[in-house]
Protein backbone atom coordinates (compact mmCIF):
# COMPACT_ATOMS: atom_id res chain seq x y z
CA MET A 1 1.61 -5.67 26.48
CA ASN A 2 4.72 -6.87 24.64
CA ASN A 3 7.03 -4.12 23.45
CA ASN A 4 9.69 -6.55 22.27
CA VAL A 5 8.07 -8.35 19.36
CA MET A 6 10.56 -10.49 17.49
CA LEU A 7 11.25 -10.98 13.78
CA GLY A 8 13.30 -13.94 12.72
CA GLY A 9 13.99 -14.85 16.35
CA ASP A 10 16.36 -11.99 17.14
CA ARG A 11 15.28 -8.73 15.55
CA VAL A 12 12.92 -6.60 17.61
CA VAL A 13 9.94 -5.02 15.81
CA ARG A 14 8.24 -2.06 17.44
CA ALA A 15 6.53 -0.41 14.45
CA VAL A 16 4.82 -1.80 11.35
CA LEU A 17 4.12 0.16 8.17
CA PHE A 18 1.30 -1.18 5.99
CA ASP A 19 0.63 -0.65 2.33
CA LEU A 20 -3.11 -0.28 1.62
CA ASP A 21 -4.15 -1.57 -1.82
CA GLY A 22 -3.58 -5.30 -2.12
CA THR A 23 -2.35 -5.56 1.47
CA LEU A 24 -5.24 -4.47 3.69
CA THR A 25 -7.98 -4.10 1.07
CA ASP A 26 -8.88 -5.49 -2.34
CA PRO A 27 -9.44 -2.38 -4.48
CA LYS A 28 -9.73 -4.09 -7.89
CA GLU A 29 -13.24 -2.93 -8.77
CA GLY A 30 -12.76 0.72 -7.87
CA ILE A 31 -9.27 1.15 -9.28
CA THR A 32 -9.91 -0.60 -12.59
CA ARG A 33 -13.22 1.21 -13.15
CA CYS A 34 -11.52 4.54 -12.51
CA MET A 35 -8.71 3.68 -14.93
CA GLN A 36 -11.30 2.75 -17.55
CA TYR A 37 -13.20 5.98 -16.88
CA ALA A 38 -10.05 8.09 -17.34
CA LEU A 39 -9.05 6.33 -20.55
CA GLY A 40 -12.58 6.66 -21.88
CA LYS A 41 -12.62 10.40 -21.16
CA LEU A 42 -9.42 10.66 -23.19
CA GLU A 43 -11.03 8.61 -25.97
CA ARG A 44 -8.39 5.91 -25.66
CA PRO A 45 -8.92 2.12 -25.74
CA THR A 46 -10.11 0.77 -22.38
CA PRO A 47 -8.61 -2.58 -21.35
CA THR A 48 -10.64 -5.07 -19.33
CA ALA A 49 -10.50 -5.02 -15.56
CA ASP A 50 -8.38 -8.17 -15.53
CA ALA A 51 -5.90 -6.60 -17.95
CA LEU A 52 -5.56 -3.60 -15.62
CA VAL A 53 -4.87 -5.64 -12.48
CA ALA A 54 -1.10 -5.46 -13.08
CA TYR A 55 -1.29 -1.67 -12.64
CA ILE A 56 -2.70 -1.82 -9.11
CA GLY A 57 -0.09 -0.57 -6.65
CA PRO A 58 2.36 1.72 -8.47
CA PRO A 59 1.83 5.51 -8.47
CA LEU A 60 -0.85 6.68 -10.91
CA GLN A 61 1.58 8.87 -12.84
CA HIS A 62 3.66 5.80 -13.71
CA THR A 63 0.57 3.76 -14.51
CA PHE A 64 -0.93 6.23 -16.97
CA ALA A 65 2.41 6.93 -18.62
CA GLN A 66 2.51 3.20 -19.41
CA LEU A 67 -1.14 2.84 -20.36
CA LEU A 68 -0.96 5.86 -22.66
CA ALA A 69 2.53 4.98 -23.90
CA THR A 70 3.61 8.58 -23.41
CA ASP A 71 6.07 10.82 -21.62
CA ASP A 72 3.74 13.81 -22.04
CA ASN A 73 3.27 14.99 -18.46
CA VAL A 74 0.29 17.16 -19.39
CA LEU A 75 -1.55 14.17 -20.82
CA VAL A 76 -0.63 11.99 -17.85
CA ASP A 77 -1.81 14.66 -15.40
CA GLN A 78 -5.13 14.92 -17.25
CA ALA A 79 -5.59 11.15 -17.01
CA VAL A 80 -4.84 11.26 -13.27
CA ALA A 81 -7.35 14.10 -12.84
CA TYR A 82 -10.09 12.10 -14.62
CA TYR A 83 -9.23 9.04 -12.51
CA ARG A 84 -9.56 11.02 -9.30
CA GLU A 85 -12.80 12.61 -10.50
CA ARG A 86 -14.50 9.22 -10.32
CA PHE A 87 -12.42 7.86 -7.47
CA ALA A 88 -13.37 10.67 -5.10
CA SER A 89 -17.10 10.19 -5.65
CA GLU A 90 -17.42 6.41 -5.77
CA GLY A 91 -14.26 4.52 -6.69
CA MET A 92 -12.68 4.59 -3.25
CA TYR A 93 -15.68 2.75 -1.82
CA GLU A 94 -15.68 0.02 -4.49
CA ASN A 95 -13.29 -1.82 -2.25
CA ALA A 96 -13.30 -4.60 0.36
CA VAL A 97 -11.19 -5.32 3.43
CA TYR A 98 -9.46 -8.68 3.15
CA PRO A 99 -10.77 -11.31 5.61
CA GLY A 100 -8.72 -11.35 8.79
CA VAL A 101 -7.21 -7.89 8.40
CA ALA A 102 -9.11 -6.21 11.25
CA ALA A 103 -8.28 -9.09 13.61
CA MET A 104 -4.61 -8.90 12.55
CA LEU A 105 -4.42 -5.16 13.25
CA ALA A 106 -6.13 -5.62 16.62
CA GLU A 107 -3.68 -8.37 17.63
CA LEU A 108 -0.67 -6.28 16.66
CA LYS A 109 -2.00 -3.31 18.64
CA ARG A 110 -2.54 -5.56 21.66
CA ALA A 111 1.07 -6.72 21.31
CA GLY A 112 2.18 -3.12 21.76
CA LEU A 113 3.29 -2.27 18.23
CA ARG A 114 2.83 1.13 16.62
CA LEU A 115 1.01 0.82 13.29
CA PHE A 116 1.16 3.24 10.36
CA LEU A 117 -0.39 3.30 6.92
CA ALA A 118 2.18 3.84 4.14
CA THR A 119 0.45 4.08 0.77
CA SER A 120 1.26 5.67 -2.57
CA LYS A 121 -2.40 6.68 -2.71
CA PRO A 122 -2.99 10.34 -1.75
CA HIS A 123 -3.37 10.51 2.02
CA VAL A 124 -6.61 12.50 1.68
CA PHE A 125 -8.19 9.41 0.09
CA ALA A 126 -6.38 6.92 2.33
CA GLU A 127 -7.74 8.59 5.46
CA GLN A 128 -11.29 8.38 4.12
CA ILE A 129 -10.90 4.73 3.14
CA VAL A 130 -9.60 3.49 6.50
CA ALA A 131 -12.28 5.50 8.28
CA HIS A 132 -15.03 4.17 5.99
CA PHE A 133 -14.00 0.57 6.60
CA GLY A 134 -13.51 0.95 10.36
CA LEU A 135 -9.74 0.55 10.35
CA ALA A 136 -8.66 4.06 11.40
CA CYS A 137 -8.71 3.16 15.10
CA TYR A 138 -5.77 0.79 14.66
CA PHE A 139 -3.35 3.31 13.18
CA ASP A 140 -1.04 5.72 14.94
CA GLY A 141 -0.71 7.65 11.68
CA VAL A 142 -1.91 7.57 8.08
CA TYR A 143 0.67 8.54 5.47
CA GLY A 144 0.30 8.79 1.72
CA ALA A 145 1.24 10.82 -1.31
CA GLU A 146 0.33 14.44 -1.90
CA LEU A 147 -2.07 15.20 -4.74
CA ASP A 148 0.80 16.75 -6.70
CA GLY A 149 2.64 13.40 -6.65
CA ARG A 150 5.10 14.20 -3.87
CA LEU A 151 5.85 11.14 -1.71
CA SER A 152 4.27 8.76 -4.22
CA ASP A 153 7.64 6.98 -4.35
CA LYS A 154 7.51 4.36 -1.60
CA ALA A 155 11.14 4.81 -0.55
CA GLU A 156 10.60 8.56 -0.06
CA LEU A 157 7.35 7.93 1.80
CA ILE A 158 8.93 5.46 4.20
CA ALA A 159 11.80 7.87 4.83
CA GLU A 160 9.26 10.59 5.67
CA ILE A 161 7.42 8.33 8.12
CA LEU A 162 10.64 7.33 9.86
CA ARG A 163 11.57 11.00 10.18
CA ALA A 164 8.17 12.34 11.23
CA GLU A 165 7.48 9.61 13.78
CA GLN A 166 11.10 9.29 14.95
CA LEU A 167 11.06 5.57 14.26
CA ASP A 168 14.19 3.42 14.36
CA ALA A 169 14.59 1.70 10.98
CA ALA A 170 16.17 -1.28 12.73
CA THR A 171 12.93 -1.95 14.64
CA THR A 172 10.48 -1.15 11.82
CA LEU A 173 8.79 -3.56 9.39
CA MET A 174 7.24 -2.64 6.02
CA VAL A 175 4.38 -4.89 4.86
CA GLY A 176 3.16 -4.77 1.25
CA ASP A 177 2.18 -6.74 -1.83
CA ARG A 178 4.33 -5.24 -4.60
CA LEU A 179 8.03 -4.88 -5.34
CA HIS A 180 7.84 -1.14 -4.57
CA ASP A 181 7.10 -1.94 -0.92
CA ILE A 182 10.07 -4.27 -0.61
CA VAL A 183 12.47 -2.02 -2.51
CA GLY A 184 11.29 1.04 -0.56
CA GLY A 185 11.75 -0.76 2.74
CA LYS A 186 15.21 -2.06 1.91
CA HIS A 187 16.26 1.41 0.71
CA ASN A 188 15.52 2.69 4.21
CA GLY A 189 17.02 -0.21 6.13
CA VAL A 190 13.72 -1.54 7.45
CA SER A 191 12.71 -5.20 7.45
CA THR A 192 10.17 -6.22 4.83
CA ALA A 193 7.23 -8.63 4.67
CA ALA A 194 5.53 -9.41 1.36
CA VAL A 195 1.93 -10.64 1.34
CA THR A 196 1.12 -13.18 -1.35
CA PHE A 197 -2.65 -12.55 -1.45
CA GLY A 198 -2.36 -9.12 -3.08
CA TYR A 199 -1.48 -8.04 -6.61
CA GLY A 200 2.21 -8.84 -6.84
CA SER A 201 3.04 -12.29 -8.18
CA ARG A 202 5.02 -14.64 -5.98
CA ALA A 203 7.83 -14.49 -8.54
CA GLU A 204 7.90 -10.67 -8.35
CA LEU A 205 8.04 -10.76 -4.57
CA GLU A 206 10.64 -13.53 -4.26
CA ALA A 207 12.88 -11.79 -6.80
CA HIS A 208 13.23 -8.86 -4.39
CA GLN A 209 13.97 -11.06 -1.35
CA PRO A 210 11.68 -9.81 1.43
CA ASP A 211 12.53 -10.92 4.94
CA LEU A 212 9.15 -12.65 5.20
CA LEU A 213 6.61 -14.06 2.75
CA ILE A 214 3.13 -14.01 4.28
CA ASP A 215 0.16 -15.99 2.95
CA SER A 216 -2.55 -14.57 5.24
CA PRO A 217 -3.11 -11.76 7.76
CA ALA A 218 -3.10 -14.31 10.60
CA ALA A 219 0.27 -15.60 9.43
CA LEU A 220 1.80 -12.15 9.88
CA VAL A 221 0.75 -12.13 13.53
CA GLN A 222 2.17 -15.61 14.01
CA ARG A 223 5.50 -14.65 12.48
CA ILE A 224 6.20 -11.40 14.29
CA VAL A 225 4.44 -11.65 17.66
CA ALA A 226 6.58 -13.63 20.07
């Protein structure tokens, strides 16, 4: 077991925080169908699934404020409630683990790293998803937002994980597919790795200067396991 995994040749990594949507799983079908369901319940126009892809990743409150072009919190909360109505019953399972993810998590565990889920999705759903897809066994903790929106901001969530698990930011790596993951990691002084196979464009990721750009789950293992 290697407890001194290296990043960039000289920085030790002992804990890795993973985003969920677009990083470990491809949630396009479930998320876009739930967005369409919520908009339909509100009798608003429903964009195509492809048009909604850009909204995968950020907190739902932000997404529906944009989709509804409103700052009416009551309307946004109603949209979120409709979304979760469908998501809880079927949407969370309209999802697929990216090829190579389970093997990546297993290799990192064997290398002695502590692994945590860090998602803006409510943790009550995140726990069910990783259990359903057989990934729960790899994680030392599953962290996500509260249903009331608390900790949906990635910087706040990462700060909470560092505090709760007594992790050293200098030896922690945040892995995600959107700018929120990189910005949240940098805000807390942790290293960042951006995966290019998720829902953030390469231009979006490069603009926020992650420490690593990763093109596959196997590549993450190769880059951080000495």
